PDB file of N, CA and C in Angstrom:
ATOM      1  N   MET A   1      -7.567  -8.840  12.781  1.00  0.00           N
ATOM      2  CA  MET A   1      -8.502  -8.679  11.720  1.00  0.00           C
ATOM      3  C   MET A   1      -7.583  -9.280  10.516  1.00  0.00           C
ATOM      4  N   ARG A   2      -8.391  -9.667   9.691  1.00  0.00           N
ATOM      5  CA  ARG A   2      -7.797 -10.361   8.272  1.00  0.00           C
ATOM      6  C   ARG A   2      -8.759 -10.218   7.256  1.00  0.00           C
ATOM      7  N   PRO A   3      -8.239  -9.999   6.154  1.00  0.00           N
ATOM      8  CA  PRO A   3      -9.102  -9.687   4.925  1.00  0.00           C
ATOM      9  C   PRO A   3      -9.816 -10.864   4.601  1.00  0.00           C
ATOM     10  N   THR A   4     -11.093 -10.652   3.956  1.00  0.00           N
ATOM     11  CA  THR A   4     -11.924 -12.000   3.380  1.00  0.00           C
ATOM     12  C   THR A   4     -11.668 -11.802   1.761  1.00  0.00           C
ATOM     13  N   SER A   5     -11.469 -10.735   1.352  1.00  0.00           N
ATOM     14  CA  SER A   5     -11.105 -10.565  -0.164  1.00  0.00           C
ATOM     15  C   SER A   5     -10.214  -9.482  -0.388  1.00  0.00           C
ATOM     16  N   ILE A   6      -9.292  -9.713  -1.442  1.00  0.00           N
ATOM     17  CA  ILE A   6      -8.860  -8.633  -1.938  1.00  0.00           C
ATOM     18  C   ILE A   6      -8.886  -8.462  -3.365  1.00  0.00           C
ATOM     19  N   THR A   7      -9.305  -7.125  -3.789  1.00  0.00           N
ATOM     20  CA  THR A   7      -9.324  -7.206  -5.493  1.00  0.00           C
ATOM     21  C   THR A   7      -8.424  -5.800  -5.926  1.00  0.00           C
ATOM     22  N   ALA A   8      -7.977  -5.890  -6.777  1.00  0.00           N
ATOM     23  CA  ALA A   8      -6.811  -4.855  -7.548  1.00  0.00           C
ATOM     24  C   ALA A   8      -7.902  -4.531  -8.781  1.00  0.00           C
ATOM     25  N   ASP A   9      -8.156  -3.317  -8.547  1.00  0.00           N
ATOM     26  CA  ASP A   9      -8.969  -2.466  -9.990  1.00  0.00           C
ATOM     27  C   ASP A   9      -7.713  -1.694 -10.481  1.00  0.00           C
ATOM     28  N   ARG A  10      -7.104  -2.434 -11.696  1.00  0.00           N
ATOM     29  CA  ARG A  10      -5.902  -1.588 -12.406  1.00  0.00           C
ATOM     30  C   ARG A  10      -6.421  -0.562 -13.138  1.00  0.00           C
ATOM     31  N   THR A  11      -7.721  -0.452 -13.556  1.00  0.00           N
ATOM     32  CA  THR A  11      -8.330   0.894 -14.366  1.00  0.00           C
ATOM     33  C   THR A  11      -8.573   1.955 -13.371  1.00  0.00           C
ATOM     34  N   LYS A  12      -8.990   1.733 -12.087  1.00  0.00           N
ATOM     35  CA  LYS A  12      -9.074   2.545 -11.247  1.00  0.00           C
ATOM     36  C   LYS A  12      -7.990   2.850 -10.208  1.00  0.00           C
ATOM     37  N   ALA A  13      -7.102   1.938 -10.373  1.00  0.00           N
ATOM     38  CA  ALA A  13      -5.666   2.131  -9.421  1.00  0.00           C
ATOM     39  C   ALA A  13      -6.324   2.202  -8.022  1.00  0.00           C
ATOM     40  N   ILE A  14      -7.053   1.038  -7.895  1.00  0.00           N
ATOM     41  CA  ILE A  14      -7.831   1.043  -6.381  1.00  0.00           C
ATOM     42  C   ILE A  14      -7.468  -0.538  -5.911  1.00  0.00           C
ATOM     43  N   LEU A  15      -6.999  -0.658  -4.610  1.00  0.00           N
ATOM     44  CA  LEU A  15      -7.109  -2.105  -3.999  1.00  0.00           C
ATOM     45  C   LEU A  15      -8.172  -2.053  -3.193  1.00  0.00           C
ATOM     46  N   THR A  16      -9.047  -2.887  -3.321  1.00  0.00           N
ATOM     47  CA  THR A  16     -10.233  -2.956  -2.278  1.00  0.00           C
ATOM     48  C   THR A  16     -10.113  -4.217  -1.370  1.00  0.00           C
ATOM     49  N   ILE A  17     -10.092  -3.839  -0.114  1.00  0.00           N
ATOM     50  CA  ILE A  17      -9.900  -4.910   0.749  1.00  0.00           C
ATOM     51  C   ILE A  17     -11.370  -5.254   1.507  1.00  0.00           C
ATOM     52  N   THR A  18     -11.663  -6.321   1.840  1.00  0.00           N
ATOM     53  CA  THR A  18     -13.104  -6.494   2.787  1.00  0.00           C
ATOM     54  C   THR A  18     -12.547  -7.257   3.836  1.00  0.00           C
ATOM     55  N   TRP A  19     -12.963  -6.687   5.006  1.00  0.00           N
ATOM     56  CA  TRP A  19     -12.138  -7.339   6.471  1.00  0.00           C
ATOM     57  C   TRP A  19     -12.964  -8.353   7.123  1.00  0.00           C
ATOM     58  N   ASP A  20     -12.760  -9.164   7.744  1.00  0.00           N
ATOM     59  CA  ASP A  20     -13.500 -10.155   8.589  1.00  0.00           C
ATOM     60  C   ASP A  20     -14.308  -9.442   9.527  1.00  0.00           C
ATOM     61  N   ASP A  21     -14.229  -8.146   9.889  1.00  0.00           N
ATOM     62  CA  ASP A  21     -15.286  -7.468  10.699  1.00  0.00           C
ATOM     63  C   ASP A  21     -16.471  -6.727   9.594  1.00  0.00           C
ATOM     64  N   GLY A  22     -16.399  -6.967   8.456  1.00  0.00           N
ATOM     65  CA  GLY A  22     -17.411  -6.290   7.596  1.00  0.00           C
ATOM     66  C   GLY A  22     -16.991  -4.914   6.880  1.00  0.00           C
ATOM     67  N   GLU A  23     -15.949  -4.418   7.325  1.00  0.00           N
ATOM     68  CA  GLU A  23     -15.558  -3.204   6.917  1.00  0.00           C
ATOM     69  C   GLU A  23     -15.043  -3.365   5.461  1.00  0.00           C
ATOM     70  N   THR A  24     -15.250  -2.431   4.658  1.00  0.00           N
ATOM     71  CA  THR A  24     -14.587  -2.290   3.145  1.00  0.00           C
ATOM     72  C   THR A  24     -13.566  -1.266   2.959  1.00  0.00           C
ATOM     73  N   SER A  25     -12.458  -1.184   2.653  1.00  0.00           N
ATOM     74  CA  SER A  25     -11.349  -0.406   2.438  1.00  0.00           C
ATOM     75  C   SER A  25     -10.878  -0.352   0.971  1.00  0.00           C
ATOM     76  N   GLU A  26     -10.808   0.934   0.731  1.00  0.00           N
ATOM     77  CA  GLU A  26     -10.135   1.208  -0.647  1.00  0.00           C
ATOM     78  C   GLU A  26      -8.822   2.153  -0.796  1.00  0.00           C
ATOM     79  N   LEU A  27      -7.887   1.372  -1.169  1.00  0.00           N
ATOM     80  CA  LEU A  27      -6.713   2.123  -0.802  1.00  0.00           C
ATOM     81  C   LEU A  27      -5.979   2.336  -2.516  1.00  0.00           C
ATOM     82  N   PRO A  28      -5.826   3.801  -2.643  1.00  0.00           N
ATOM     83  CA  PRO A  28      -5.188   4.038  -3.935  1.00  0.00           C
ATOM     84  C   PRO A  28      -3.786   3.555  -4.239  1.00  0.00           C
ATOM     85  N   PHE A  29      -3.828   2.979  -5.271  1.00  0.00           N
ATOM     86  CA  PHE A  29      -2.176   2.057  -5.644  1.00  0.00           C
ATOM     87  C   PHE A  29      -1.118   3.411  -5.366  1.00  0.00           C
ATOM     88  N   LYS A  30      -1.497   4.666  -5.570  1.00  0.00           N
ATOM     89  CA  LYS A  30      -0.616   5.862  -4.998  1.00  0.00           C
ATOM     90  C   LYS A  30      -0.142   5.725  -3.770  1.00  0.00           C
ATOM     91  N   LEU A  31      -1.160   5.764  -2.794  1.00  0.00           N
ATOM     92  CA  LEU A  31      -0.562   5.780  -1.477  1.00  0.00           C
ATOM     93  C   LEU A  31       0.106   4.308  -1.269  1.00  0.00           C
ATOM     94  N   LEU A  32      -0.386   3.335  -1.684  1.00  0.00           N
ATOM     95  CA  LEU A  32       0.326   2.122  -1.475  1.00  0.00           C
ATOM     96  C   LEU A  32       1.752   2.042  -2.091  1.00  0.00           C
ATOM     97  N   SER A  33       2.028   2.579  -3.059  1.00  0.00           N
ATOM     98  CA  SER A  33       3.237   2.763  -3.549  1.00  0.00           C
ATOM     99  C   SER A  33       4.111   3.727  -2.761  1.00  0.00           C
ATOM    100  N   ASP A  34       3.471   4.959  -2.379  1.00  0.00           N
ATOM    101  CA  ASP A  34       4.285   5.972  -1.598  1.00  0.00           C
ATOM    102  C   ASP A  34       4.613   5.274  -0.444  1.00  0.00           C
ATOM    103  N   MET A  35       3.799   4.688   0.344  1.00  0.00           N
ATOM    104  CA  MET A  35       4.062   4.376   1.446  1.00  0.00           C
ATOM    105  C   MET A  35       4.403   2.772   1.753  1.00  0.00           C
ATOM    106  N   CYS A  36       5.294   2.267   0.822  1.00  0.00           N
ATOM    107  CA  CYS A  36       5.757   1.097   0.897  1.00  0.00           C
ATOM    108  C   CYS A  36       6.729   0.821   1.846  1.00  0.00           C
ATOM    109  N   PRO A  37       6.441  -0.206   2.599  1.00  0.00           N
ATOM    110  CA  PRO A  37       7.099  -0.498   3.812  1.00  0.00           C
ATOM    111  C   PRO A  37       8.494  -1.270   3.640  1.00  0.00           C
ATOM    112  N   CYS A  38       8.988  -1.366   2.508  1.00  0.00           N
ATOM    113  CA  CYS A  38      10.320  -1.684   2.559  1.00  0.00           C
ATOM    114  C   CYS A  38      11.605  -1.150   3.049  1.00  0.00           C
ATOM    115  N   ALA A  39      12.495  -1.542   3.220  1.00  0.00           N
ATOM    116  CA  ALA A  39      13.787  -0.807   3.963  1.00  0.00           C
ATOM    117  C   ALA A  39      14.132   0.149   3.062  1.00  0.00           C
ATOM    118  N   THR A  40      14.184  -0.010   1.747  1.00  0.00           N
ATOM    119  CA  THR A  40      14.927   0.974   0.921  1.00  0.00           C
ATOM    120  C   THR A  40      13.932   2.164   0.888  1.00  0.00           C
ATOM    121  N   CYS A  41      12.582   1.968   0.589  1.00  0.00           N
ATOM    122  CA  CYS A  41      11.518   2.870   0.419  1.00  0.00           C
ATOM    123  C   CYS A  41      11.530   3.799   2.004  1.00  0.00           C
ATOM    124  N   ASN A  42      11.587   3.234   3.123  1.00  0.00           N
ATOM    125  CA  ASN A  42      11.596   3.589   4.325  1.00  0.00           C
ATOM    126  C   ASN A  42      12.749   4.738   4.577  1.00  0.00           C
ATOM    127  N   GLU A  43      13.973   4.385   4.211  1.00  0.00           N
ATOM    128  CA  GLU A  43      15.041   5.118   4.278  1.00  0.00           C
ATOM    129  C   GLU A  43      15.005   6.276   3.280  1.00  0.00           C
ATOM    130  N   GLU A  44      14.460   6.382   2.109  1.00  0.00           N
ATOM    131  CA  GLU A  44      14.334   7.246   1.265  1.00  0.00           C
ATOM    132  C   GLU A  44      13.135   8.214   1.839  1.00  0.00           C
ATOM    133  N   ARG A  45      12.138   7.888   2.362  1.00  0.00           N
ATOM    134  CA  ARG A  45      10.976   8.675   3.133  1.00  0.00           C
ATOM    135  C   ARG A  45      11.653   9.323   4.267  1.00  0.00           C
ATOM    136  N   ASN A  46      12.203   8.612   5.269  1.00  0.00           N
ATOM    137  CA  ASN A  46      12.876   9.196   6.553  1.00  0.00           C
ATOM    138  C   ASN A  46      14.117   9.821   6.391  1.00  0.00           C
ATOM    139  N   ASN A  47      14.985   9.527   5.367  1.00  0.00           N
ATOM    140  CA  ASN A  47      16.206  10.531   5.444  1.00  0.00           C
ATOM    141  C   ASN A  47      16.674  10.823   3.872  1.00  0.00           C
ATOM    142  N   PRO A  48      15.815  11.593   3.213  1.00  0.00           N
ATOM    143  CA  PRO A  48      16.121  12.155   1.841  1.00  0.00           C
ATOM    144  C   PRO A  48      17.433  12.593   1.742  1.00  0.00           C
ATOM    145  N   ASP A  49      18.066  12.221   0.990  1.00  0.00           N
ATOM    146  CA  ASP A  49      19.438  12.835   0.403  1.00  0.00           C
ATOM    147  C   ASP A  49      18.909  14.219  -0.676  1.00  0.00           C
ATOM    148  N   PRO A  50      19.486  15.342  -0.135  1.00  0.00           N
ATOM    149  CA  PRO A  50      18.956  16.399  -1.083  1.00  0.00           C
ATOM    150  C   PRO A  50      19.718  16.418  -2.414  1.00  0.00           C
ATOM    151  N   LEU A  51      21.022  15.796  -2.308  1.00  0.00           N
ATOM    152  CA  LEU A  51      21.569  15.755  -3.550  1.00  0.00           C
ATOM    153  C   LEU A  51      21.246  14.725  -4.510  1.00  0.00           C
ATOM    154  N   LYS A  52      20.510  13.677  -4.199  1.00  0.00           N
ATOM    155  CA  LYS A  52      20.086  12.480  -4.816  1.00  0.00           C
ATOM    156  C   LYS A  52      18.929  13.057  -6.101  1.00  0.00           C
ATOM    157  N   ILE A  53      19.067  12.330  -6.912  1.00  0.00           N
ATOM    158  CA  ILE A  53      17.959  12.613  -7.969  1.00  0.00           C
ATOM    159  C   ILE A  53      16.925  11.625  -7.567  1.00  0.00           C
ATOM    160  N   ILE A  54      15.709  12.034  -7.363  1.00  0.00           N
ATOM    161  CA  ILE A  54      14.490  11.385  -7.154  1.00  0.00           C
ATOM    162  C   ILE A  54      14.163  10.249  -8.333  1.00  0.00           C
ATOM    163  N   ARG A  55      14.033   9.151  -8.145  1.00  0.00           N
ATOM    164  CA  ARG A  55      13.446   8.276  -9.119  1.00  0.00           C
ATOM    165  C   ARG A  55      12.074   8.383  -9.113  1.00  0.00           C
ATOM    166  N   PRO A  56      11.249   8.542 -10.329  1.00  0.00           N
ATOM    167  CA  PRO A  56       9.908   8.385 -10.375  1.00  0.00           C
ATOM    168  C   PRO A  56       9.177   7.085  -9.810  1.00  0.00           C
ATOM    169  N   ARG A  57       8.223   7.380  -8.903  1.00  0.00           N
ATOM    170  CA  ARG A  57       7.595   6.307  -8.278  1.00  0.00           C
ATOM    171  C   ARG A  57       6.687   5.917  -9.393  1.00  0.00           C
ATOM    172  N   SER A  58       6.547   4.342  -9.390  1.00  0.00           N
ATOM    173  CA  SER A  58       5.527   3.604 -10.333  1.00  0.00           C
ATOM    174  C   SER A  58       4.358   3.509  -9.512  1.00  0.00           C
ATOM    175  N   TYR A  59       3.095   3.543 -10.279  1.00  0.00           N
ATOM    176  CA  TYR A  59       2.034   3.562  -9.635  1.00  0.00           C
ATOM    177  C   TYR A  59       1.085   2.347 -10.350  1.00  0.00           C
ATOM    178  N   GLU A  60       1.845   1.658 -11.173  1.00  0.00           N
ATOM    179  CA  GLU A  60       1.460   0.579 -12.022  1.00  0.00           C
ATOM    180  C   GLU A  60       1.782  -0.694 -11.627  1.00  0.00           C
ATOM    181  N   LEU A  61       0.516  -1.405 -10.866  1.00  0.00           N
ATOM    182  CA  LEU A  61       0.607  -2.826 -10.227  1.00  0.00           C
ATOM    183  C   LEU A  61       0.984  -3.703 -11.137  1.00  0.00           C
ATOM    184  N   GLU A  62       2.133  -4.375 -10.708  1.00  0.00           N
ATOM    185  CA  GLU A  62       2.677  -5.681 -11.455  1.00  0.00           C
ATOM    186  C   GLU A  62       1.904  -6.950 -10.902  1.00  0.00           C
ATOM    187  N   ALA A  63       2.168  -7.104  -9.672  1.00  0.00           N
ATOM    188  CA  ALA A  63       1.687  -8.403  -9.144  1.00  0.00           C
ATOM    189  C   ALA A  63       1.492  -8.368  -7.644  1.00  0.00           C
ATOM    190  N   ILE A  64       0.346  -8.914  -6.737  1.00  0.00           N
ATOM    191  CA  ILE A  64       0.281  -9.059  -5.866  1.00  0.00           C
ATOM    192  C   ILE A  64       0.370 -10.621  -5.178  1.00  0.00           C
ATOM    193  N   ASN A  65       1.323 -10.785  -4.225  1.00  0.00           N
ATOM    194  CA  ASN A  65       1.147 -12.220  -3.932  1.00  0.00           C
ATOM    195  C   ASN A  65       1.174 -12.357  -2.565  1.00  0.00           C
ATOM    196  N   PRO A  66       0.525 -13.599  -2.016  1.00  0.00           N
ATOM    197  CA  PRO A  66       0.589 -13.507  -0.421  1.00  0.00           C
ATOM    198  C   PRO A  66       1.911 -13.831   0.169  1.00  0.00           C
ATOM    199  N   VAL A  67       1.714 -13.470   1.617  1.00  0.00           N
ATOM    200  CA  VAL A  67       2.922 -13.929   2.264  1.00  0.00           C
ATOM    201  C   VAL A  67       2.525 -14.221   3.608  1.00  0.00           C
ATOM    202  N   GLY A  68       2.703 -15.651   3.625  1.00  0.00           N
ATOM    203  CA  GLY A  68       2.185 -16.507   4.930  1.00  0.00           C
ATOM    204  C   GLY A  68       0.772 -16.240   5.193  1.00  0.00           C
ATOM    205  N   ASN A  69       0.217 -15.994   6.220  1.00  0.00           N
ATOM    206  CA  ASN A  69      -1.142 -15.826   6.571  1.00  0.00           C
ATOM    207  C   ASN A  69      -1.161 -14.457   7.078  1.00  0.00           C
ATOM    208  N   TYR A  70      -0.109 -13.660   6.973  1.00  0.00           N
ATOM    209  CA  TYR A  70      -0.155 -12.178   7.670  1.00  0.00           C
ATOM    210  C   TYR A  70      -0.045 -11.140   6.445  1.00  0.00           C
ATOM    211  N   ALA A  71       0.172 -11.116   5.414  1.00  0.00           N
ATOM    212  CA  ALA A  71       0.521 -10.098   4.594  1.00  0.00           C
ATOM    213  C   ALA A  71       0.677 -10.625   3.110  1.00  0.00           C
ATOM    214  N   ILE A  72       0.783  -9.346   2.229  1.00  0.00           N
ATOM    215  CA  ILE A  72       0.988  -9.283   0.961  1.00  0.00           C
ATOM    216  C   ILE A  72       2.194  -8.667   0.433  1.00  0.00           C
ATOM    217  N   SER A  73       2.604  -9.070  -0.750  1.00  0.00           N
ATOM    218  CA  SER A  73       3.530  -8.419  -1.170  1.00  0.00           C
ATOM    219  C   SER A  73       3.262  -7.709  -2.412  1.00  0.00           C
ATOM    220  N   ILE A  74       3.502  -6.433  -2.769  1.00  0.00           N
ATOM    221  CA  ILE A  74       3.074  -5.778  -3.726  1.00  0.00           C
ATOM    222  C   ILE A  74       4.395  -5.437  -4.753  1.00  0.00           C
ATOM    223  N   MET A  75       4.226  -5.785  -6.004  1.00  0.00           N
ATOM    224  CA  MET A  75       5.194  -5.370  -7.003  1.00  0.00           C
ATOM    225  C   MET A  75       4.617  -4.297  -7.804  1.00  0.00           C
ATOM    226  N   TRP A  76       5.450  -3.178  -7.902  1.00  0.00           N
ATOM    227  CA  TRP A  76       5.255  -2.189  -8.745  1.00  0.00           C
ATOM    228  C   TRP A  76       5.966  -2.343 -10.232  1.00  0.00           C
ATOM    229  N   ARG A  77       5.440  -2.124 -11.207  1.00  0.00           N
ATOM    230  CA  ARG A  77       6.098  -2.357 -12.453  1.00  0.00           C
ATOM    231  C   ARG A  77       7.000  -1.103 -12.609  1.00  0.00           C
ATOM    232  N   GLY A  78       8.494  -1.270 -12.740  1.00  0.00           N
ATOM    233  CA  GLY A  78       9.332  -0.393 -13.169  1.00  0.00           C
ATOM    234  C   GLY A  78       9.555   0.464 -11.548  1.00  0.00           C
ATOM    235  N   GLY A  79       9.392  -0.105 -10.249  1.00  0.00           N
ATOM    236  CA  GLY A  79       9.124   0.579  -9.311  1.00  0.00           C
ATOM    237  C   GLY A  79       9.757  -0.592  -8.236  1.00  0.00           C
ATOM    238  N   CYS A  80       9.550  -0.549  -7.308  1.00  0.00           N
ATOM    239  CA  CYS A  80       9.916  -1.336  -5.764  1.00  0.00           C
ATOM    240  C   CYS A  80       9.091  -2.559  -6.047  1.00  0.00           C
ATOM    241  N   ARG A  81       9.786  -3.531  -5.508  1.00  0.00           N
ATOM    242  CA  ARG A  81       9.473  -5.031  -5.791  1.00  0.00           C
ATOM    243  C   ARG A  81       9.476  -5.710  -4.340  1.00  0.00           C
ATOM    244  N   PHE A  82       9.752  -4.939  -3.318  1.00  0.00           N
ATOM    245  CA  PHE A  82      10.152  -5.876  -2.003  1.00  0.00           C
ATOM    246  C   PHE A  82       9.275  -5.405  -0.794  1.00  0.00           C
ATOM    247  N   GLY A  83       8.095  -4.738  -1.017  1.00  0.00           N
ATOM    248  CA  GLY A  83       7.381  -4.284  -0.077  1.00  0.00           C
ATOM    249  C   GLY A  83       6.331  -5.431   0.380  1.00  0.00           C
ATOM    250  N   ILE A  84       6.361  -5.676   1.684  1.00  0.00           N
ATOM    251  CA  ILE A  84       5.536  -6.526   2.419  1.00  0.00           C
ATOM    252  C   ILE A  84       4.514  -5.766   3.335  1.00  0.00           C
ATOM    253  N   TYR A  85       3.038  -5.813   2.901  1.00  0.00           N
ATOM    254  CA  TYR A  85       2.251  -5.166   3.437  1.00  0.00           C
ATOM    255  C   TYR A  85       1.576  -5.720   4.407  1.00  0.00           C
ATOM    256  N   SER A  86       1.730  -5.660   5.899  1.00  0.00           N
ATOM    257  CA  SER A  86       0.796  -6.490   6.732  1.00  0.00           C
ATOM    258  C   SER A  86      -0.469  -6.178   6.835  1.00  0.00           C
ATOM    259  N   TRP A  87      -1.369  -7.312   7.067  1.00  0.00           N
ATOM    260  CA  TRP A  87      -2.678  -6.894   7.285  1.00  0.00           C
ATOM    261  C   TRP A  87      -2.988  -5.620   8.330  1.00  0.00           C
ATOM    262  N   GLU A  88      -2.124  -5.501   9.460  1.00  0.00           N
ATOM    263  CA  GLU A  88      -2.115  -4.595  10.226  1.00  0.00           C
ATOM    264  C   GLU A  88      -1.872  -3.101   9.571  1.00  0.00           C
ATOM    265  N   TYR A  89      -0.834  -3.116   8.811  1.00  0.00           N
ATOM    266  CA  TYR A  89      -0.207  -1.832   8.267  1.00  0.00           C
ATOM    267  C   TYR A  89      -1.379  -1.383   7.036  1.00  0.00           C
ATOM    268  N   LEU A  90      -1.803  -2.566   6.364  1.00  0.00           N
ATOM    269  CA  LEU A  90      -3.025  -2.090   5.337  1.00  0.00           C
ATOM    270  C   LEU A  90      -4.108  -1.401   6.148  1.00  0.00           C
ATOM    271  N   ARG A  91      -4.507  -1.803   7.144  1.00  0.00           N
ATOM    272  CA  ARG A  91      -5.777  -1.456   7.996  1.00  0.00           C
ATOM    273  C   ARG A  91      -5.629  -0.121   8.388  1.00  0.00           C
ATOM    274  N   GLU A  92      -4.275   0.083   9.040  1.00  0.00           N
ATOM    275  CA  GLU A  92      -3.993   1.294   9.725  1.00  0.00           C
ATOM    276  C   GLU A  92      -4.011   2.492   8.308  1.00  0.00           C
ATOM    277  N   MET A  93      -3.540   2.032   7.486  1.00  0.00           N
ATOM    278  CA  MET A  93      -3.557   2.951   6.119  1.00  0.00           C
ATOM    279  C   MET A  93      -5.182   3.338   5.833  1.00  0.00           C
ATOM    280  N   ALA A  94      -5.658   2.541   5.931  1.00  0.00           N
ATOM    281  CA  ALA A  94      -7.286   2.518   5.375  1.00  0.00           C
ATOM    282  C   ALA A  94      -8.069   3.205   6.436  1.00  0.00           C
ATOM    283  N   ASP A  95      -7.523   3.095   7.594  1.00  0.00           N
ATOM    284  CA  ASP A  95      -8.443   3.819   8.885  1.00  0.00           C
ATOM    285  C   ASP A  95      -7.920   5.248   8.727  1.00  0.00           C
ATOM    286  N   LEU A  96      -6.532   5.623   8.412  1.00  0.00           N
ATOM    287  CA  LEU A  96      -6.105   6.778   8.257  1.00  0.00           C
ATOM    288  C   LEU A  96      -6.584   7.449   7.111  1.00  0.00           C
ATOM    289  N   LEU A  97      -6.784   6.947   6.223  1.00  0.00           N
ATOM    290  CA  LEU A  97      -7.576   7.387   4.877  1.00  0.00           C
ATOM    291  C   LEU A  97      -8.948   7.935   5.185  1.00  0.00           C
ATOM    292  N   ARG A  98      -9.532   6.895   5.911  1.00  0.00           N
ATOM    293  CA  ARG A  98     -11.040   6.961   6.183  1.00  0.00           C
ATOM    294  C   ARG A  98     -11.205   8.297   6.945  1.00  0.00           C
ATOM    295  N   GLY A  99     -10.602   8.508   8.126  1.00  0.00           N
ATOM    296  CA  GLY A  99     -10.332   9.405   8.951  1.00  0.00           C
ATOM    297  C   GLY A  99     -10.158  10.954   8.118  1.00  0.00           C
ATOM    298  N   ASN A 100      -9.328  10.656   7.367  1.00  0.00           N
ATOM    299  CA  ASN A 100      -9.050  12.185   6.574  1.00  0.00           C
ATOM    300  C   ASN A 100     -10.059  12.435   5.541  1.00  0.00           C
ATOM    301  N   ALA A 101     -10.862  11.441   4.988  1.00  0.00           N
ATOM    302  CA  ALA A 101     -12.105  11.625   3.928  1.00  0.00           C
ATOM    303  C   ALA A 101     -13.206  11.997   4.706  1.00  0.00           C
ATOM    304  N   SER A 102     -13.446  11.703   6.034  1.00  0.00           N
ATOM    305  CA  SER A 102     -14.599  12.365   7.092  1.00  0.00           C
ATOM    306  C   SER A 102     -14.315  13.603   7.697  1.00  0.00           C
ATOM    307  N   GLY A 103     -12.829  14.023   7.586  1.00  0.00           N
ATOM    308  CA  GLY A 103     -12.562  15.592   8.121  1.00  0.00           C
ATOM    309  C   GLY A 103     -12.096  15.261   9.536  1.00  0.00           C
ATOM    310  N   ASP A 104     -11.742  13.998  10.074  1.00  0.00           N
ATOM    311  CA  ASP A 104     -11.551  13.963  11.351  1.00  0.00           C
ATOM    312  C   ASP A 104      -9.855  14.067  11.370  1.00  0.00           C
ATOM    313  N   GLY A 105      -9.060  14.154  10.662  1.00  0.00           N
ATOM    314  CA  GLY A 105      -7.586  14.276  10.875  1.00  0.00           C
ATOM    315  C   GLY A 105      -6.887  14.784   9.838  1.00  0.00           C
TER     316      GLY A 105
END
């Protein structure tokens, strides 16, 4: 599965993806930032240091750039700049979000 269009609405803080199977996904910037797949963010999520002062997450989108034909990189203003979001990862997040919205999970 691959996107046919990706649109970022900075006012609503939503990334809208239309997929080649006709499905449309709306992913909130907060979710995308909180679930950043980069190594640093993964480490912070999976092994939190109880003595570390948590830096505030940024939900303000700075840029989206293509990464080959398999992903996008998302840069957050004042936050992470290294997250590479594969099509598969984005679709998994969208499917989980849709399942939670419908009460399935």
